[in-house]
């Protein structure tokens, strides 16, 4: 469907391709999309929808012109028929009957024109409502997809940061152990003179409790 020089169906397919070609988040069903590219494509479709409504209105105008021409042509035929009937039936006393038949024809033609016009307006209104519904549904799906993608991206970032935190914690533990080992090896050995005397083995370390 081409509207206002833009193939709307092709642009919608392009919008779908952006979603399908976007990279997926590992270990999930979510997709990361280029938000700027997606919104530009969505704006392109949205901006061309008013031209569709304008073309629909132009169709109504052209059909009304056709209906007016048909009605005018029918009226000319009726007028010519009435004039011819008046000429033929004037002497026979059937002018009144010819006028009644012409009136019936005129009413029938008018009813047919009204029916066609009403049907045309109903078709145009249905097209407009369908286009609006499709636009609303497309916007709803796009927003839902964006929210789902954002949630997936947040979960993925949280997992990556958690893994990095665990790795940093392990690295800090290794660094602390290494420093403690270096510091313990750097301390001078204790002199025997400075070592405290041991109590005689005969003496009990703990007093008797009585």
N, C-alpha and C. Protein backbone atom coordinates (compact mmCIF):
# COMPACT_ATOMS: atom_id res chain seq x y z
N UNK A 1 0.86 -1.19 0.00
CA UNK A 1 0.00 0.00 0.00
C UNK A 1 0.89 1.23 0.00
N UNK A 2 0.83 2.05 -1.08
CA UNK A 2 1.65 3.24 -1.22
C UNK A 2 0.81 4.46 -0.91
N UNK A 3 1.26 5.26 0.04
CA UNK A 3 0.53 6.46 0.46
C UNK A 3 1.49 7.64 0.48
N UNK A 4 1.10 8.73 -0.23
CA UNK A 4 1.91 9.93 -0.21
C UNK A 4 3.33 9.70 -0.70
N UNK A 5 3.53 8.80 -1.68
CA UNK A 5 4.86 8.53 -2.20
C UNK A 5 5.68 7.58 -1.33
N UNK A 6 5.12 7.06 -0.24
CA UNK A 6 5.83 6.16 0.66
C UNK A 6 5.10 4.83 0.70
N UNK A 7 5.85 3.74 0.52
CA UNK A 7 5.27 2.41 0.61
C UNK A 7 5.14 2.06 2.09
N UNK A 8 3.93 2.23 2.62
CA UNK A 8 3.71 2.04 4.06
C UNK A 8 3.97 0.60 4.47
N UNK A 9 3.59 -0.37 3.63
CA UNK A 9 3.81 -1.77 3.96
C UNK A 9 5.31 -2.08 4.04
N UNK A 10 6.08 -1.50 3.12
CA UNK A 10 7.52 -1.73 3.14
C UNK A 10 8.15 -1.13 4.40
N UNK A 11 7.70 0.06 4.81
CA UNK A 11 8.26 0.68 6.00
C UNK A 11 7.90 -0.12 7.26
N UNK A 12 6.68 -0.68 7.28
CA UNK A 12 6.31 -1.53 8.41
C UNK A 12 7.17 -2.80 8.44
N UNK A 13 7.44 -3.37 7.25
CA UNK A 13 8.33 -4.54 7.19
C UNK A 13 9.73 -4.19 7.66
N UNK A 14 10.18 -2.98 7.31
CA UNK A 14 11.50 -2.53 7.77
C UNK A 14 11.53 -2.41 9.29
N UNK A 15 10.43 -1.91 9.85
CA UNK A 15 10.33 -1.80 11.30
C UNK A 15 10.42 -3.19 11.95
N UNK A 16 9.77 -4.16 11.33
CA UNK A 16 9.83 -5.52 11.86
C UNK A 16 11.24 -6.10 11.72
N UNK A 17 11.94 -5.79 10.62
CA UNK A 17 13.30 -6.28 10.41
C UNK A 17 14.26 -5.73 11.47
N UNK A 18 14.02 -4.47 11.88
CA UNK A 18 14.88 -3.89 12.92
C UNK A 18 14.78 -4.73 14.19
N UNK A 19 13.57 -5.14 14.53
CA UNK A 19 13.39 -5.96 15.74
C UNK A 19 14.01 -7.35 15.57
N UNK A 20 13.79 -7.97 14.39
CA UNK A 20 14.26 -9.34 14.18
C UNK A 20 15.78 -9.40 14.04
N UNK A 21 16.40 -8.37 13.46
CA UNK A 21 17.85 -8.37 13.23
C UNK A 21 18.63 -7.87 14.44
N UNK A 22 17.96 -7.36 15.46
CA UNK A 22 18.67 -6.85 16.63
C UNK A 22 19.29 -8.00 17.41
N UNK A 23 20.46 -7.80 18.03
CA UNK A 23 21.12 -8.89 18.78
C UNK A 23 20.31 -9.26 20.02
N UNK A 24 20.37 -10.52 20.34
CA UNK A 24 19.64 -11.01 21.51
C UNK A 24 20.54 -10.99 22.75
N UNK A 25 19.91 -10.80 23.89
CA UNK A 25 20.62 -10.83 25.16
C UNK A 25 20.98 -12.28 25.48
N UNK A 26 22.23 -12.57 25.77
CA UNK A 26 22.61 -13.97 26.06
C UNK A 26 21.77 -14.56 27.18
N UNK A 27 21.47 -15.83 27.01
CA UNK A 27 20.73 -16.61 28.02
C UNK A 27 19.35 -16.04 28.32
N UNK A 28 18.74 -15.39 27.35
CA UNK A 28 17.39 -14.86 27.54
C UNK A 28 16.73 -14.74 26.18
N UNK A 29 15.43 -14.48 26.19
CA UNK A 29 14.66 -14.29 24.96
C UNK A 29 14.52 -12.82 24.62
N UNK A 30 15.24 -11.96 25.29
CA UNK A 30 15.13 -10.52 25.07
C UNK A 30 16.10 -10.08 23.97
N UNK A 31 15.79 -8.91 23.40
CA UNK A 31 16.55 -8.39 22.27
C UNK A 31 16.98 -6.96 22.57
N UNK A 32 18.21 -6.64 22.18
CA UNK A 32 18.72 -5.27 22.28
C UNK A 32 18.55 -4.59 20.93
N UNK A 33 17.80 -3.48 20.90
CA UNK A 33 17.56 -2.79 19.64
C UNK A 33 18.21 -1.41 19.70
N UNK A 34 18.44 -0.88 18.49
CA UNK A 34 18.90 0.50 18.36
C UNK A 34 17.69 1.40 18.53
N UNK A 35 17.57 2.01 19.72
CA UNK A 35 16.37 2.79 20.04
C UNK A 35 16.19 3.95 19.07
N UNK A 36 17.28 4.64 18.72
CA UNK A 36 17.17 5.81 17.83
C UNK A 36 16.68 5.38 16.44
N UNK A 37 17.25 4.29 15.91
CA UNK A 37 16.82 3.81 14.59
C UNK A 37 15.37 3.35 14.62
N UNK A 38 14.99 2.66 15.70
CA UNK A 38 13.62 2.16 15.81
C UNK A 38 12.62 3.31 15.88
N UNK A 39 12.93 4.35 16.70
CA UNK A 39 12.01 5.48 16.84
C UNK A 39 11.94 6.29 15.55
N UNK A 40 13.07 6.42 14.82
CA UNK A 40 13.03 7.14 13.53
C UNK A 40 12.11 6.43 12.54
N UNK A 41 12.21 5.09 12.50
CA UNK A 41 11.35 4.34 11.59
C UNK A 41 9.89 4.45 12.00
N UNK A 42 9.64 4.43 13.31
CA UNK A 42 8.27 4.57 13.81
C UNK A 42 7.72 5.95 13.48
N UNK A 43 8.56 6.99 13.61
CA UNK A 43 8.11 8.35 13.26
C UNK A 43 7.80 8.45 11.77
N UNK A 44 8.60 7.77 10.93
CA UNK A 44 8.35 7.80 9.49
C UNK A 44 6.98 7.24 9.17
N UNK A 45 6.63 6.12 9.80
CA UNK A 45 5.31 5.52 9.56
C UNK A 45 4.23 6.44 10.10
N UNK A 46 4.45 6.99 11.33
CA UNK A 46 3.43 7.84 11.94
C UNK A 46 3.18 9.12 11.12
N UNK A 47 4.26 9.70 10.57
CA UNK A 47 4.12 10.94 9.81
C UNK A 47 3.40 10.73 8.49
N UNK A 48 3.45 9.52 7.94
CA UNK A 48 2.81 9.27 6.66
C UNK A 48 1.37 8.81 6.81
N UNK A 49 0.93 8.52 8.03
CA UNK A 49 -0.47 8.14 8.21
C UNK A 49 -1.43 9.29 7.93
N UNK A 50 -1.12 10.56 8.33
CA UNK A 50 -2.04 11.65 7.96
C UNK A 50 -2.23 11.78 6.46
N UNK A 51 -1.18 11.48 5.66
CA UNK A 51 -1.36 11.53 4.21
C UNK A 51 -2.35 10.48 3.74
N UNK A 52 -2.38 9.33 4.46
CA UNK A 52 -3.36 8.30 4.12
C UNK A 52 -4.78 8.81 4.35
N UNK A 53 -4.96 9.53 5.46
CA UNK A 53 -6.29 10.09 5.74
C UNK A 53 -6.64 11.15 4.70
N UNK A 54 -5.63 11.93 4.29
CA UNK A 54 -5.88 12.96 3.28
C UNK A 54 -6.27 12.32 1.95
N UNK A 55 -5.58 11.25 1.57
CA UNK A 55 -5.93 10.58 0.33
C UNK A 55 -7.33 9.96 0.40
N UNK A 56 -7.67 9.46 1.60
CA UNK A 56 -9.02 8.92 1.76
C UNK A 56 -10.07 10.02 1.57
N UNK A 57 -9.77 11.20 2.13
CA UNK A 57 -10.70 12.33 1.95
C UNK A 57 -10.79 12.74 0.48
N UNK A 58 -9.65 12.69 -0.23
CA UNK A 58 -9.67 13.03 -1.66
C UNK A 58 -10.50 12.03 -2.45
N UNK A 59 -10.43 10.76 -2.02
CA UNK A 59 -11.26 9.74 -2.68
C UNK A 59 -12.73 10.07 -2.51
N UNK A 60 -13.08 10.49 -1.29
CA UNK A 60 -14.48 10.85 -1.03
C UNK A 60 -14.88 12.02 -1.93
N UNK A 61 -13.98 13.02 -2.04
CA UNK A 61 -14.30 14.20 -2.86
C UNK A 61 -14.50 13.79 -4.31
N UNK A 62 -13.60 12.95 -4.83
CA UNK A 62 -13.72 12.53 -6.23
C UNK A 62 -15.00 11.71 -6.44
N UNK A 63 -15.31 10.84 -5.49
CA UNK A 63 -16.52 10.05 -5.65
C UNK A 63 -17.77 10.92 -5.58
N UNK A 64 -17.70 11.95 -4.73
CA UNK A 64 -18.84 12.86 -4.69
C UNK A 64 -18.99 13.60 -6.02
N UNK A 65 -17.85 13.94 -6.64
CA UNK A 65 -17.92 14.58 -7.96
C UNK A 65 -18.54 13.65 -8.99
N UNK A 66 -18.13 12.38 -8.93
CA UNK A 66 -18.69 11.40 -9.87
C UNK A 66 -20.18 11.23 -9.64
N UNK A 67 -20.55 11.18 -8.35
CA UNK A 67 -21.97 11.03 -8.05
C UNK A 67 -22.76 12.25 -8.52
N UNK A 68 -22.17 13.43 -8.36
CA UNK A 68 -22.86 14.63 -8.83
C UNK A 68 -22.99 14.63 -10.35
N UNK A 69 -21.92 14.19 -11.03
CA UNK A 69 -22.01 14.12 -12.50
C UNK A 69 -23.06 13.11 -12.94
N UNK A 70 -23.08 11.97 -12.24
CA UNK A 70 -24.08 10.95 -12.58
C UNK A 70 -25.50 11.47 -12.32
N UNK A 71 -25.65 12.17 -11.19
CA UNK A 71 -26.97 12.71 -10.88
C UNK A 71 -27.38 13.77 -11.91
N UNK A 72 -26.40 14.61 -12.28
CA UNK A 72 -26.70 15.63 -13.30
C UNK A 72 -27.06 14.98 -14.64
N UNK A 73 -26.29 13.94 -14.99
CA UNK A 73 -26.57 13.24 -16.24
C UNK A 73 -27.96 12.58 -16.18
N UNK A 74 -28.27 11.98 -15.03
CA UNK A 74 -29.58 11.36 -14.88
C UNK A 74 -30.69 12.40 -14.97
N UNK A 75 -30.45 13.57 -14.36
CA UNK A 75 -31.46 14.62 -14.43
C UNK A 75 -31.65 15.12 -15.86
N UNK A 76 -30.54 15.19 -16.60
CA UNK A 76 -30.65 15.60 -18.01
C UNK A 76 -31.44 14.57 -18.80
N UNK A 77 -31.19 13.29 -18.54
CA UNK A 77 -31.95 12.24 -19.23
C UNK A 77 -33.43 12.32 -18.86
N UNK A 78 -33.66 12.54 -17.55
CA UNK A 78 -35.06 12.63 -17.11
C UNK A 78 -35.74 13.84 -17.76
N UNK A 79 -35.00 14.95 -17.78
CA UNK A 79 -35.58 16.16 -18.40
C UNK A 79 -35.89 15.93 -19.88
N UNK A 80 -34.92 15.27 -20.56
CA UNK A 80 -35.16 14.99 -21.99
C UNK A 80 -36.32 14.03 -22.16
N UNK A 81 -36.40 13.03 -21.29
CA UNK A 81 -37.50 12.07 -21.38
C UNK A 81 -38.84 12.75 -21.09
N UNK A 82 -38.83 13.62 -20.08
CA UNK A 82 -40.07 14.32 -19.75
C UNK A 82 -40.51 15.22 -20.93
N UNK A 83 -39.52 15.88 -21.51
CA UNK A 83 -39.86 16.76 -22.64
C UNK A 83 -40.40 15.95 -23.83
N UNK A 84 -39.73 14.83 -24.07
CA UNK A 84 -40.20 13.99 -25.18
C UNK A 84 -41.57 13.41 -24.89
N UNK A 85 -41.76 12.97 -23.63
CA UNK A 85 -43.06 12.39 -23.26
C UNK A 85 -44.16 13.44 -23.34
N UNK A 86 -43.81 14.68 -22.94
CA UNK A 86 -44.81 15.74 -23.01
C UNK A 86 -45.23 16.01 -24.45
N UNK A 87 -44.25 15.96 -25.34
CA UNK A 87 -44.57 16.19 -26.75
C UNK A 87 -45.45 15.08 -27.33
N UNK A 88 -45.14 13.83 -26.94
CA UNK A 88 -45.88 12.70 -27.52
C UNK A 88 -47.25 12.53 -26.87
N UNK A 89 -47.29 12.70 -25.53
CA UNK A 89 -48.51 12.36 -24.80
C UNK A 89 -49.41 13.57 -24.54
N UNK A 90 -48.99 14.73 -25.03
CA UNK A 90 -49.81 15.91 -24.78
C UNK A 90 -51.19 15.76 -25.38
N UNK A 91 -51.25 15.25 -26.58
CA UNK A 91 -52.55 15.11 -27.26
C UNK A 91 -53.32 13.91 -26.75
N UNK A 92 -52.70 13.03 -26.02
CA UNK A 92 -53.38 11.80 -25.60
C UNK A 92 -53.87 11.90 -24.15
N UNK A 93 -53.60 13.00 -23.48
CA UNK A 93 -54.08 13.15 -22.10
C UNK A 93 -53.30 12.34 -21.09
N UNK A 94 -52.06 11.97 -21.46
CA UNK A 94 -51.26 11.16 -20.54
C UNK A 94 -50.06 11.93 -19.97
N UNK A 95 -50.14 13.25 -20.03
CA UNK A 95 -49.04 14.04 -19.51
C UNK A 95 -48.84 13.80 -18.01
N UNK A 96 -49.94 13.72 -17.31
CA UNK A 96 -49.87 13.51 -15.87
C UNK A 96 -49.17 12.20 -15.53
N UNK A 97 -49.51 11.15 -16.28
CA UNK A 97 -48.88 9.86 -16.03
C UNK A 97 -47.38 9.92 -16.32
N UNK A 98 -46.99 10.60 -17.38
CA UNK A 98 -45.57 10.74 -17.71
C UNK A 98 -44.84 11.50 -16.61
N UNK A 99 -45.47 12.53 -16.04
CA UNK A 99 -44.85 13.28 -14.96
C UNK A 99 -44.64 12.41 -13.72
N UNK A 100 -45.62 11.57 -13.43
CA UNK A 100 -45.49 10.68 -12.29
C UNK A 100 -44.35 9.68 -12.49
N UNK A 101 -44.28 9.12 -13.69
CA UNK A 101 -43.20 8.17 -13.97
C UNK A 101 -41.83 8.85 -13.91
N UNK A 102 -41.77 10.07 -14.44
CA UNK A 102 -40.50 10.81 -14.37
C UNK A 102 -40.13 11.09 -12.92
N UNK A 103 -41.11 11.42 -12.11
CA UNK A 103 -40.84 11.67 -10.69
C UNK A 103 -40.33 10.41 -10.01
N UNK A 104 -40.92 9.28 -10.34
CA UNK A 104 -40.47 8.02 -9.76
C UNK A 104 -39.04 7.70 -10.16
N UNK A 105 -38.73 7.96 -11.45
CA UNK A 105 -37.37 7.72 -11.91
C UNK A 105 -36.39 8.64 -11.19
N UNK A 106 -36.77 9.88 -11.03
CA UNK A 106 -35.91 10.83 -10.34
C UNK A 106 -35.67 10.39 -8.89
N UNK A 107 -36.72 9.97 -8.21
CA UNK A 107 -36.58 9.52 -6.84
C UNK A 107 -35.69 8.27 -6.74
N UNK A 108 -35.87 7.37 -7.71
CA UNK A 108 -35.07 6.15 -7.71
C UNK A 108 -33.58 6.48 -7.92
N UNK A 109 -33.32 7.36 -8.87
CA UNK A 109 -31.93 7.75 -9.12
C UNK A 109 -31.34 8.45 -7.90
N UNK A 110 -32.12 9.30 -7.25
CA UNK A 110 -31.64 10.01 -6.07
C UNK A 110 -31.35 9.03 -4.93
N UNK A 111 -32.20 8.05 -4.76
CA UNK A 111 -31.98 7.06 -3.72
C UNK A 111 -30.71 6.25 -3.99
N UNK A 112 -30.51 5.89 -5.25
CA UNK A 112 -29.30 5.14 -5.60
C UNK A 112 -28.04 5.98 -5.35
N UNK A 113 -28.09 7.26 -5.70
CA UNK A 113 -26.96 8.15 -5.45
C UNK A 113 -26.69 8.29 -3.96
N UNK A 114 -27.76 8.44 -3.16
CA UNK A 114 -27.59 8.55 -1.71
C UNK A 114 -27.00 7.28 -1.12
N UNK A 115 -27.45 6.13 -1.64
CA UNK A 115 -26.94 4.86 -1.13
C UNK A 115 -25.45 4.71 -1.43
N UNK A 116 -25.07 5.06 -2.67
CA UNK A 116 -23.66 4.95 -3.04
C UNK A 116 -22.81 5.90 -2.20
N UNK A 117 -23.32 7.12 -1.98
CA UNK A 117 -22.56 8.08 -1.20
C UNK A 117 -22.40 7.62 0.24
N UNK A 118 -23.46 7.11 0.84
CA UNK A 118 -23.38 6.63 2.21
C UNK A 118 -22.42 5.44 2.33
N UNK A 119 -22.46 4.53 1.35
CA UNK A 119 -21.56 3.38 1.38
C UNK A 119 -20.10 3.82 1.25
N UNK A 120 -19.87 4.81 0.39
CA UNK A 120 -18.52 5.32 0.21
C UNK A 120 -18.00 5.96 1.50
N UNK A 121 -18.82 6.78 2.13
CA UNK A 121 -18.41 7.41 3.39
C UNK A 121 -18.17 6.37 4.48
N UNK A 122 -19.00 5.33 4.52
CA UNK A 122 -18.82 4.28 5.51
C UNK A 122 -17.51 3.53 5.27
N UNK A 123 -17.17 3.27 4.00
CA UNK A 123 -15.91 2.58 3.69
C UNK A 123 -14.71 3.43 4.09
N UNK A 124 -14.79 4.73 3.82
CA UNK A 124 -13.68 5.61 4.18
C UNK A 124 -13.52 5.69 5.70
N UNK A 125 -14.62 5.77 6.41
CA UNK A 125 -14.55 5.83 7.87
C UNK A 125 -13.99 4.53 8.45
N UNK A 126 -14.37 3.41 7.84
CA UNK A 126 -13.84 2.12 8.29
C UNK A 126 -12.33 2.03 8.04
N UNK A 127 -11.88 2.52 6.89
CA UNK A 127 -10.45 2.55 6.60
C UNK A 127 -9.70 3.41 7.62
N UNK A 128 -10.29 4.57 7.96
CA UNK A 128 -9.63 5.45 8.92
C UNK A 128 -9.53 4.79 10.30
N UNK A 129 -10.63 4.15 10.74
CA UNK A 129 -10.60 3.49 12.05
C UNK A 129 -9.60 2.33 12.06
N UNK A 130 -9.55 1.57 10.96
CA UNK A 130 -8.62 0.45 10.89
C UNK A 130 -7.17 0.94 10.95
N UNK A 131 -6.89 2.04 10.22
CA UNK A 131 -5.54 2.59 10.24
C UNK A 131 -5.17 3.08 11.63
N UNK A 132 -6.11 3.73 12.33
CA UNK A 132 -5.84 4.21 13.68
C UNK A 132 -5.61 3.05 14.65
N UNK A 133 -6.41 1.99 14.51
CA UNK A 133 -6.25 0.83 15.37
C UNK A 133 -4.89 0.16 15.14
N UNK A 134 -4.49 0.05 13.87
CA UNK A 134 -3.20 -0.55 13.57
C UNK A 134 -2.06 0.30 14.14
N UNK A 135 -2.20 1.63 14.05
CA UNK A 135 -1.17 2.51 14.61
C UNK A 135 -1.10 2.35 16.13
N UNK A 136 -2.27 2.34 16.81
CA UNK A 136 -2.29 2.18 18.27
C UNK A 136 -1.68 0.84 18.68
N UNK A 137 -2.02 -0.23 17.95
CA UNK A 137 -1.48 -1.55 18.28
C UNK A 137 0.03 -1.59 18.06
N UNK A 138 0.48 -0.96 16.99
CA UNK A 138 1.91 -0.94 16.70
C UNK A 138 2.66 -0.17 17.78
N UNK A 139 2.11 0.97 18.23
CA UNK A 139 2.74 1.74 19.30
C UNK A 139 2.77 0.94 20.60
N UNK A 140 1.65 0.25 20.90
CA UNK A 140 1.59 -0.55 22.14
C UNK A 140 2.63 -1.66 22.11
N UNK A 141 2.74 -2.36 20.99
CA UNK A 141 3.71 -3.44 20.88
C UNK A 141 5.13 -2.92 20.95
N UNK A 142 5.36 -1.77 20.32
CA UNK A 142 6.71 -1.20 20.34
C UNK A 142 7.12 -0.81 21.76
N UNK A 143 6.19 -0.17 22.51
CA UNK A 143 6.49 0.23 23.88
C UNK A 143 6.70 -1.00 24.77
N UNK A 144 5.87 -2.02 24.59
CA UNK A 144 6.03 -3.24 25.39
C UNK A 144 7.36 -3.91 25.09
N UNK A 145 7.74 -3.94 23.81
CA UNK A 145 9.02 -4.55 23.44
C UNK A 145 10.18 -3.76 24.02
N UNK A 146 10.08 -2.42 23.98
CA UNK A 146 11.14 -1.59 24.54
C UNK A 146 11.28 -1.81 26.05
N UNK A 147 10.14 -1.90 26.75
CA UNK A 147 10.19 -2.13 28.19
C UNK A 147 10.79 -3.50 28.51
N UNK A 148 10.43 -4.51 27.71
CA UNK A 148 10.96 -5.84 27.93
C UNK A 148 12.47 -5.87 27.67
N UNK A 149 12.88 -5.19 26.61
CA UNK A 149 14.31 -5.14 26.28
C UNK A 149 15.08 -4.41 27.38
N UNK A 150 14.51 -3.29 27.88
CA UNK A 150 15.16 -2.54 28.94
C UNK A 150 15.32 -3.38 30.21
N UNK A 151 14.25 -4.13 30.54
CA UNK A 151 14.32 -4.99 31.73
C UNK A 151 15.39 -6.06 31.54
N UNK A 152 15.45 -6.65 30.34
CA UNK A 152 16.48 -7.66 30.08
C UNK A 152 17.87 -7.08 30.15
N UNK A 153 18.05 -5.87 29.63
CA UNK A 153 19.36 -5.23 29.68
C UNK A 153 19.78 -4.96 31.13
N UNK A 154 18.82 -4.52 31.96
CA UNK A 154 19.12 -4.27 33.37
C UNK A 154 19.53 -5.56 34.08
N UNK A 155 18.81 -6.65 33.82
CA UNK A 155 19.16 -7.93 34.44
C UNK A 155 20.56 -8.39 34.00
N UNK A 156 20.82 -8.24 32.73
CA UNK A 156 22.12 -8.65 32.22
C UNK A 156 23.24 -7.82 32.83
N UNK A 157 23.03 -6.49 32.93
CA UNK A 157 24.04 -5.62 33.53
C UNK A 157 24.25 -5.98 35.01
N UNK A 158 23.18 -6.30 35.70
CA UNK A 158 23.29 -6.67 37.12
C UNK A 158 24.11 -7.95 37.29
N UNK A 159 23.87 -8.93 36.40
CA UNK A 159 24.64 -10.18 36.49
C UNK A 159 26.12 -9.92 36.21
N UNK A 160 26.40 -9.09 35.21
CA UNK A 160 27.80 -8.80 34.89
C UNK A 160 28.48 -8.09 36.05
N UNK A 161 27.82 -7.10 36.64
CA UNK A 161 28.41 -6.38 37.77
C UNK A 161 28.58 -7.29 38.98
N UNK A 162 27.62 -8.20 39.20
CA UNK A 162 27.76 -9.13 40.32
C UNK A 162 28.97 -10.04 40.14
N UNK A 163 29.17 -10.53 38.91
CA UNK A 163 30.33 -11.37 38.64
C UNK A 163 31.63 -10.58 38.83
N UNK A 164 31.63 -9.33 38.37
CA UNK A 164 32.81 -8.50 38.55
C UNK A 164 33.09 -8.25 40.04
N UNK A 165 32.01 -8.06 40.82
CA UNK A 165 32.19 -7.83 42.26
C UNK A 165 32.79 -9.06 42.92
N UNK A 166 32.32 -10.25 42.53
CA UNK A 166 32.87 -11.47 43.10
C UNK A 166 34.34 -11.63 42.73
N UNK A 167 34.66 -11.33 41.47
CA UNK A 167 36.05 -11.45 41.04
C UNK A 167 36.95 -10.45 41.80
N UNK A 168 36.46 -9.20 41.95
CA UNK A 168 37.23 -8.21 42.68
C UNK A 168 37.41 -8.61 44.14
N UNK A 169 36.37 -9.19 44.75
CA UNK A 169 36.48 -9.65 46.13
C UNK A 169 37.54 -10.73 46.27
N UNK A 170 37.54 -11.67 45.33
CA UNK A 170 38.54 -12.74 45.34
C UNK A 170 39.95 -12.17 45.14
N UNK A 171 40.07 -11.20 44.24
CA UNK A 171 41.37 -10.57 44.01
C UNK A 171 41.85 -9.84 45.27
N UNK A 172 40.94 -9.13 45.96
CA UNK A 172 41.31 -8.44 47.19
C UNK A 172 41.76 -9.43 48.26
N UNK A 173 41.11 -10.57 48.33
CA UNK A 173 41.51 -11.59 49.32
C UNK A 173 42.91 -12.10 49.01
N UNK A 174 43.18 -12.33 47.74
CA UNK A 174 44.52 -12.79 47.36
C UNK A 174 45.56 -11.73 47.67
N UNK A 175 45.23 -10.46 47.40
CA UNK A 175 46.18 -9.37 47.69
C UNK A 175 46.46 -9.27 49.18
N UNK A 176 45.42 -9.34 50.01
CA UNK A 176 45.61 -9.26 51.46
C UNK A 176 46.48 -10.40 51.97
N UNK A 177 46.21 -11.62 51.50
CA UNK A 177 47.02 -12.77 51.93
C UNK A 177 48.48 -12.60 51.52
N UNK A 178 48.66 -12.07 50.28
CA UNK A 178 50.04 -11.87 49.83
C UNK A 178 50.76 -10.84 50.66
N UNK A 179 50.09 -9.75 51.01
CA UNK A 179 50.71 -8.72 51.83
C UNK A 179 51.05 -9.26 53.22
N UNK A 180 50.12 -10.02 53.80
CA UNK A 180 50.38 -10.58 55.12
C UNK A 180 51.57 -11.53 55.10
N UNK A 181 51.67 -12.31 54.03
CA UNK A 181 52.80 -13.23 53.93
C UNK A 181 54.11 -12.46 53.78
N UNK A 182 54.09 -11.39 52.97
CA UNK A 182 55.30 -10.59 52.78
C UNK A 182 55.71 -9.92 54.09
N UNK A 183 54.73 -9.39 54.82
CA UNK A 183 55.04 -8.72 56.08
C UNK A 183 55.58 -9.71 57.12
N UNK A 184 55.01 -10.92 57.15
CA UNK A 184 55.49 -11.91 58.13
C UNK A 184 56.91 -12.36 57.79
N UNK A 185 57.22 -12.47 56.52
CA UNK A 185 58.57 -12.87 56.12
C UNK A 185 59.58 -11.73 56.35
N UNK A 186 59.13 -10.48 56.33
CA UNK A 186 60.04 -9.35 56.50
C UNK A 186 60.39 -9.07 57.96
N UNK A 187 59.65 -9.63 58.96
CA UNK A 187 59.93 -9.40 60.37
C UNK A 187 61.25 -10.08 60.77
N UNK A 188 62.12 -9.42 61.63
CA UNK A 188 63.40 -10.06 62.07
C UNK A 188 63.12 -11.22 63.00
N UNK A 189 63.96 -12.25 62.97
CA UNK A 189 63.75 -13.39 63.89
C UNK A 189 63.96 -12.98 65.34
N UNK A 190 63.25 -13.57 66.24
CA UNK A 190 63.33 -13.24 67.66
C UNK A 190 64.61 -13.82 68.28
N UNK A 191 65.31 -13.00 69.12
CA UNK A 191 66.55 -13.44 69.80
C UNK A 191 66.21 -14.36 70.96
N UNK A 192 67.05 -15.35 71.22
CA UNK A 192 66.76 -16.25 72.37
C UNK A 192 66.78 -15.53 73.69
N UNK A 193 67.65 -14.45 73.81
CA UNK A 193 67.71 -13.73 75.08
C UNK A 193 66.40 -13.04 75.37
N UNK A 194 65.73 -12.59 74.30
CA UNK A 194 64.49 -11.86 74.50
C UNK A 194 63.29 -12.78 74.66
N UNK A 195 63.53 -14.07 74.43
CA UNK A 195 62.38 -14.98 74.53
C UNK A 195 62.04 -15.19 75.98
N UNK A 196 60.81 -15.23 76.33
CA UNK A 196 60.40 -15.42 77.74
C UNK A 196 60.80 -16.78 78.25
N UNK A 197 61.16 -16.82 79.54
CA UNK A 197 61.51 -18.09 80.15
C UNK A 197 60.29 -18.96 80.31
N UNK A 198 60.55 -20.21 80.07
CA UNK A 198 59.45 -21.16 80.24
C UNK A 198 59.36 -21.56 81.69
N UNK A 199 58.19 -21.74 82.18
CA UNK A 199 57.98 -22.17 83.56
C UNK A 199 58.44 -23.59 83.71
N UNK A 200 58.96 -23.93 84.89
CA UNK A 200 59.38 -25.34 85.12
C UNK A 200 58.22 -26.27 84.86
N UNK A 201 58.61 -27.39 84.29
CA UNK A 201 57.58 -28.35 83.95
C UNK A 201 56.92 -28.90 85.19
N UNK A 202 57.64 -28.86 86.33
CA UNK A 202 57.05 -29.42 87.53
C UNK A 202 55.93 -28.57 88.05
N UNK A 203 56.04 -27.26 87.71
CA UNK A 203 54.99 -26.37 88.20
C UNK A 203 53.78 -26.48 87.31
N UNK A 204 52.68 -26.51 87.93
CA UNK A 204 51.43 -26.58 87.16
C UNK A 204 51.09 -25.23 86.58
N UNK A 205 50.62 -25.20 85.37
CA UNK A 205 50.24 -23.96 84.73
C UNK A 205 49.01 -23.36 85.34
N UNK A 206 48.20 -24.19 85.91
CA UNK A 206 46.96 -23.70 86.50
C UNK A 206 46.99 -24.02 87.98
N UNK A 207 46.69 -23.10 88.85
CA UNK A 207 46.61 -23.38 90.30
C UNK A 207 45.50 -24.33 90.60
N UNK A 208 45.78 -25.04 91.78
CA UNK A 208 44.73 -25.98 92.20
C UNK A 208 43.51 -25.23 92.61
N UNK A 209 42.46 -25.75 92.23
CA UNK A 209 41.18 -25.13 92.61
C UNK A 209 40.57 -25.94 93.73
N UNK A 210 40.51 -25.32 94.91
CA UNK A 210 39.93 -26.01 96.07
C UNK A 210 38.76 -25.25 96.56
